[in-house]
Amino acid sequence: MSRLLFVPLTILSLMLWSGEASAHRYHATISSVSFNDRTGSIEVIHQIFSHDVEYILSKYAGQTVQIGAEDMDDMLRAYVENAFALYDKGGAPIPLEWVGAEIDVSNVWVYMERPDAMGLDGVSVRDELMVDLYEDQVNTVNLEQGGELKTLIFQREDGIQESGF
């Protein structure tokens, strides 16, 4: 009887353990860049895994940084503004205003915008979020304007990519 339970329990334990160990074996961010016709602004939202944010900010601060720390917002802002940028048709950076960040159990959501924008036509993107942390980092940037969606994929050393609008 105990042998009948041992094998299924062992298999179940291995399945649970391997699922836990591989819960976050991929390294990715997802960003949304959209032109809001109503407000005339470019809106940017980044979704980053919370523990990746802790890790990267700790690396740059040289000390442990935990989600919700008093100065985390300033450090996160400096990091994101350095790692992500939009450029106009002529290659000049498009300044983005920091709106803020929200934290949930799994993710940090970063909000930025460019008021009084003319749209996404000719816009290029540089997304280096977390690429200096993980060699296999893949960043997806979804760009939307007038109901049309374009997707750019960034990996280490990809540099700047044109939006295609």
Protein backbone atom coordinates (compact mmCIF):
# COMPACT_ATOMS: atom_id res chain seq x y z
CA MET A 1 0.00 0.00 0.00
CA SER A 2 2.73 2.50 0.91
CA ARG A 3 4.57 1.65 -2.30
CA LEU A 4 1.44 2.45 -4.31
CA LEU A 5 1.38 5.94 -2.79
CA PHE A 6 5.14 6.51 -2.92
CA VAL A 7 5.48 6.54 -6.73
CA PRO A 8 2.58 8.95 -7.44
CA LEU A 9 3.61 11.24 -4.57
CA THR A 10 7.22 11.26 -5.80
CA ILE A 11 6.11 12.15 -9.33
CA LEU A 12 3.79 14.86 -8.01
CA SER A 13 6.57 16.30 -5.83
CA LEU A 14 8.98 16.39 -8.76
CA MET A 15 6.39 18.11 -10.93
CA LEU A 16 5.71 20.75 -8.30
CA TRP A 17 9.41 21.30 -7.60
CA SER A 18 10.32 21.63 -11.27
CA GLY A 19 7.43 24.04 -11.83
CA GLU A 20 8.64 26.19 -8.96
CA ALA A 21 12.21 26.13 -10.18
CA SER A 22 11.22 27.16 -13.67
CA ALA A 23 8.56 29.69 -12.70
CA HIS A 24 10.61 32.54 -14.14
CA ARG A 25 13.16 31.07 -16.50
CA TYR A 26 12.50 33.58 -19.25
CA HIS A 27 13.50 37.19 -19.09
CA ALA A 28 11.19 39.64 -20.79
CA THR A 29 9.52 43.01 -20.61
CA ILE A 30 6.48 44.18 -22.48
CA SER A 31 6.00 47.80 -23.42
CA SER A 32 3.11 49.56 -25.05
CA VAL A 33 3.58 52.80 -26.99
CA SER A 34 0.37 54.31 -28.25
CA PHE A 35 -0.78 57.57 -29.75
CA ASN A 36 -3.91 58.87 -28.05
CA ASP A 37 -5.90 60.79 -30.70
CA ARG A 38 -8.17 62.31 -28.06
CA THR A 39 -5.38 63.88 -25.96
CA GLY A 40 -2.75 64.19 -28.69
CA SER A 41 -0.16 62.44 -26.55
CA ILE A 42 2.13 59.45 -26.81
CA GLU A 43 1.50 57.10 -23.89
CA VAL A 44 4.11 54.53 -22.81
CA ILE A 45 3.53 51.65 -20.41
CA HIS A 46 6.26 49.20 -19.38
CA GLN A 47 5.52 45.90 -17.63
CA ILE A 48 8.57 44.53 -15.80
CA PHE A 49 8.77 41.58 -13.39
CA SER A 50 8.99 42.90 -9.83
CA HIS A 51 11.95 40.77 -8.79
CA ASP A 52 13.85 41.85 -11.93
CA VAL A 53 13.31 45.47 -10.88
CA GLU A 54 14.68 44.71 -7.41
CA TYR A 55 17.67 42.93 -8.91
CA ILE A 56 18.60 45.60 -11.46
CA LEU A 57 18.16 48.50 -9.04
CA SER A 58 20.20 46.66 -6.39
CA LYS A 59 22.92 46.08 -8.95
CA TYR A 60 23.10 49.76 -9.84
CA ALA A 61 22.73 51.02 -6.27
CA GLY A 62 25.40 48.66 -4.95
CA GLN A 63 23.07 47.65 -2.14
CA THR A 64 19.84 45.71 -1.71
CA VAL A 65 16.81 47.60 -3.01
CA GLN A 66 13.38 46.24 -2.21
CA ILE A 67 10.13 46.96 -3.97
CA GLY A 68 8.40 49.82 -2.20
CA ALA A 69 11.61 51.34 -0.82
CA GLU A 70 11.38 55.10 -0.28
CA ASP A 71 13.86 56.01 -3.04
CA MET A 72 12.90 53.19 -5.42
CA ASP A 73 10.77 55.45 -7.63
CA ASP A 74 13.67 57.83 -8.28
CA MET A 75 16.05 54.95 -9.02
CA LEU A 76 13.51 53.24 -11.29
CA ARG A 77 12.88 56.48 -13.14
CA ALA A 78 16.60 57.05 -13.75
CA TYR A 79 17.05 53.47 -14.93
CA VAL A 80 14.06 53.44 -17.32
CA GLU A 81 14.86 56.88 -18.76
CA ASN A 82 18.38 55.64 -19.52
CA ALA A 83 17.31 52.28 -20.99
CA PHE A 84 14.29 53.24 -23.10
CA ALA A 85 13.88 56.05 -25.62
CA LEU A 86 11.80 57.21 -28.56
CA TYR A 87 13.30 59.18 -31.46
CA ASP A 88 11.67 61.39 -34.08
CA LYS A 89 12.13 61.14 -37.87
CA GLY A 90 15.37 63.12 -37.66
CA GLY A 91 16.82 60.88 -34.94
CA ALA A 92 16.40 63.37 -32.10
CA PRO A 93 15.21 61.95 -28.76
CA ILE A 94 11.54 62.56 -27.93
CA PRO A 95 11.45 63.62 -24.27
CA LEU A 96 9.07 61.51 -22.22
CA GLU A 97 7.54 62.74 -18.98
CA TRP A 98 7.51 60.40 -16.00
CA VAL A 99 3.93 59.77 -14.89
CA GLY A 100 4.68 57.18 -12.22
CA ALA A 101 4.88 53.52 -11.37
CA GLU A 102 2.52 50.96 -9.84
CA ILE A 103 3.52 47.75 -8.14
CA ASP A 104 1.53 44.55 -7.88
CA VAL A 105 2.53 41.10 -6.71
CA SER A 106 4.30 40.12 -9.92
CA ASN A 107 4.97 43.29 -11.89
CA VAL A 108 6.05 46.87 -11.81
CA TRP A 109 4.08 49.04 -14.24
CA VAL A 110 5.86 52.19 -15.41
CA TYR A 111 3.91 55.03 -17.04
CA MET A 112 5.41 57.75 -19.23
CA GLU A 113 3.96 60.16 -21.77
CA ARG A 114 4.74 62.83 -24.32
CA PRO A 115 2.00 65.48 -24.42
CA ASP A 116 1.41 67.49 -27.58
CA ALA A 117 2.82 64.80 -29.85
CA MET A 118 2.20 64.62 -33.57
CA GLY A 119 1.74 60.83 -33.67
CA LEU A 120 4.03 57.88 -34.16
CA ASP A 121 4.87 58.47 -37.83
CA GLY A 122 8.61 57.98 -38.32
CA VAL A 123 9.21 57.20 -34.63
CA SER A 124 12.08 54.87 -33.74
CA VAL A 125 12.54 52.97 -30.48
CA ARG A 126 15.48 51.90 -28.31
CA ASP A 127 14.62 49.36 -25.62
CA GLU A 128 17.52 48.18 -23.47
CA LEU A 129 15.50 47.36 -20.36
CA MET A 130 17.23 44.54 -18.47
CA VAL A 131 19.50 43.57 -21.41
CA ASP A 132 22.57 44.28 -19.31
CA LEU A 133 21.21 41.94 -16.65
CA TYR A 134 20.24 38.86 -18.66
CA GLU A 135 21.84 37.64 -21.88
CA ASP A 136 18.56 36.02 -22.97
CA GLN A 137 16.46 39.13 -22.28
CA VAL A 138 13.73 39.74 -24.87
CA ASN A 139 11.77 42.98 -24.88
CA THR A 140 8.55 43.35 -26.81
CA VAL A 141 7.33 46.82 -27.76
CA ASN A 142 3.80 47.08 -29.13
CA LEU A 143 3.13 50.34 -30.96
CA GLU A 144 -0.41 51.40 -31.73
CA GLN A 145 -1.77 54.29 -33.71
CA GLY A 146 -5.17 54.71 -35.31
CA GLY A 147 -6.10 51.07 -34.72
CA GLU A 148 -2.92 49.80 -36.40
CA LEU A 149 -0.52 47.69 -34.32
CA LYS A 150 3.19 47.15 -34.93
CA THR A 151 5.44 44.96 -32.77
CA LEU A 152 9.18 45.32 -32.31
CA ILE A 153 11.33 42.69 -30.58
CA PHE A 154 14.55 43.74 -28.89
CA GLN A 155 17.43 41.64 -27.65
CA ARG A 156 20.89 42.55 -26.46
CA GLU A 157 22.74 44.90 -28.85
CA ASP A 158 19.74 45.46 -31.15
CA GLY A 159 20.02 49.24 -30.88
CA ILE A 160 17.36 51.47 -32.41
CA GLN A 161 14.50 50.11 -34.54
CA GLU A 162 12.03 52.01 -36.71
CA SER A 163 8.36 51.73 -35.80
CA GLY A 164 7.17 51.28 -39.37
CA PHE A 165 4.50 53.98 -39.14
